[in-house]
Amino acid sequence: MYTCEIISVGTELLLGDILNTDEQFLSRKLASMGIAVLHRSSVGDNRERLAEEIRRALTRSDIVITSGGLGPTPDDLTKEVCCEVMDCPLVEHKDQSEKIRRYFEKKGMDMPESNLKQAMLPADCTVLENDNGTAPGGVIEKNGKCVIFLPGPPKELVPMFTDQAKPVLAKYSSGAIVSHSIRTMEIGESALAELAGDHMDSPNPTVAPYAKDGEALLRITASAESAEKAEELCRPVIDGLVKKIGKYVYGVDYDSIQQRVVELLRENNKKLAIAESCTAGYTAKRLTDIPGASAVFDCGIISYSNEVKMNLLGVSEVTLKKYGAVSSQTACEMAEGVRRLAKADLGISMTGVAGPGSDSEDKPAGLIYIAISDGTKTVWEKLNTGKTNDREYNRYVSASRALNLVRKYFEKII
């Protein structure tokens, strides 16, 4: 199996100014081709450190892929360093110069002469055309090693890799690595690992648990001579684990609980309305992040004050005085109230203390009540995150659990 390292270039990455999604994308694509990623690193815009990192990577791996540092400014040095390390001259590729000029002409902009720096490429490289920007990429193959340099912006890197770099890498592909995730909620990472049992010791496919905010997952990964064979290895393991884990599983290979909920609403031809207090619209936002949510989501109401809870959602004043805004009784009346108001099939609600700090001795931060109502039946759950000083965590997990309550409704778990 051929091995690869990914080097992300840019001081902004080290400062944490941007989220590096290029690494994740490249790692997944390379794994699917049967190319093992041994190491990933980030380097600032420094010639000496970048050269050192590439040289070190080439001693360990067959392929090195860089992202970033292909711009027109003096601190964009990736191509120059790649040429230095691979002992290749840097020359002007006139077709790329013309392409860059046309790019600016098409936009009706004057081209800074510095942009022509981007047409300077290794003499004998395979040029990777950039149809979404001005920085071409390239492939240098020499002495049994392969160095690929790609632009940093994902909107440029993703299509360039998919359409052009991937075909070049096909000859390095030896088999395939396939990975699937069983996504769960309301069960911890350690308990999930216990349920996985002997599968945790399997060399192929491997099974590994991971914890995320408010949920946990099992990742099943198999390697074989083809993707089809790897899938054959994974499938019985996945089926067995899903059956064993049971009600905690909300799906396999879903990106999020909201993706699953939108799918369930569409499959059942139902519409949802949401009443939120402590989450301040976070649940509705996450739901509508999913394309097609407008077909299943009717209404969202942020009801922080008791007056709005009473006047808009129909929560009883008696309920609020007797049990308080943070209570199962109030959550149930909010869920039914928003369902009735929106004339939706289902209503969900959440009310609690996001923190930091508490509003009273008996209602600490992290205490949340959520409820779901279909007009006939109303069910509530109590959540206590234990996170008294993490407002963002409490809001996120509350939204997740509310959405999971919808999933459990359709799967007849509640």
Foldseek 3Di string as FASTA:
>chain_A
DFEEEEEEEAVCVVVVVDDQPVVVVVCVVCQQLQYHYDYYYYDYLDLVVVLVVVVVRVVPGQEYEYEALLALDPSSCVQVSVCVNQVFAWDADVVLLVVLVVVQVVVVHDDDPSLSSLRTHGPPWDWQDFPPDSHIKTWDDDPSHIYTYFYHDCVRRVCSCVPPVVVVCNVVGFWHKDKKKFKFAPDDQVVLVVLLPPQCVDPAQHWHKDDDQRIIMIMTMGTDRYPVVSCVRVVVSVVVSCVSVDPGTLDMRDPALLVSLLVLCVVVVFAEEEEEELLQCVLVVVNVVDPPSVSRYQYYHYDHDPVCLCPQQNQDPCCCVPPNCADQSSQQSNFVSRCVNRVTQKGKYKDAALDLAAPDDVGAHQWMKMWMDRPPDIDIDITRPVCNHHSVSSSVSRSRVRSVVSSCVSVVVD
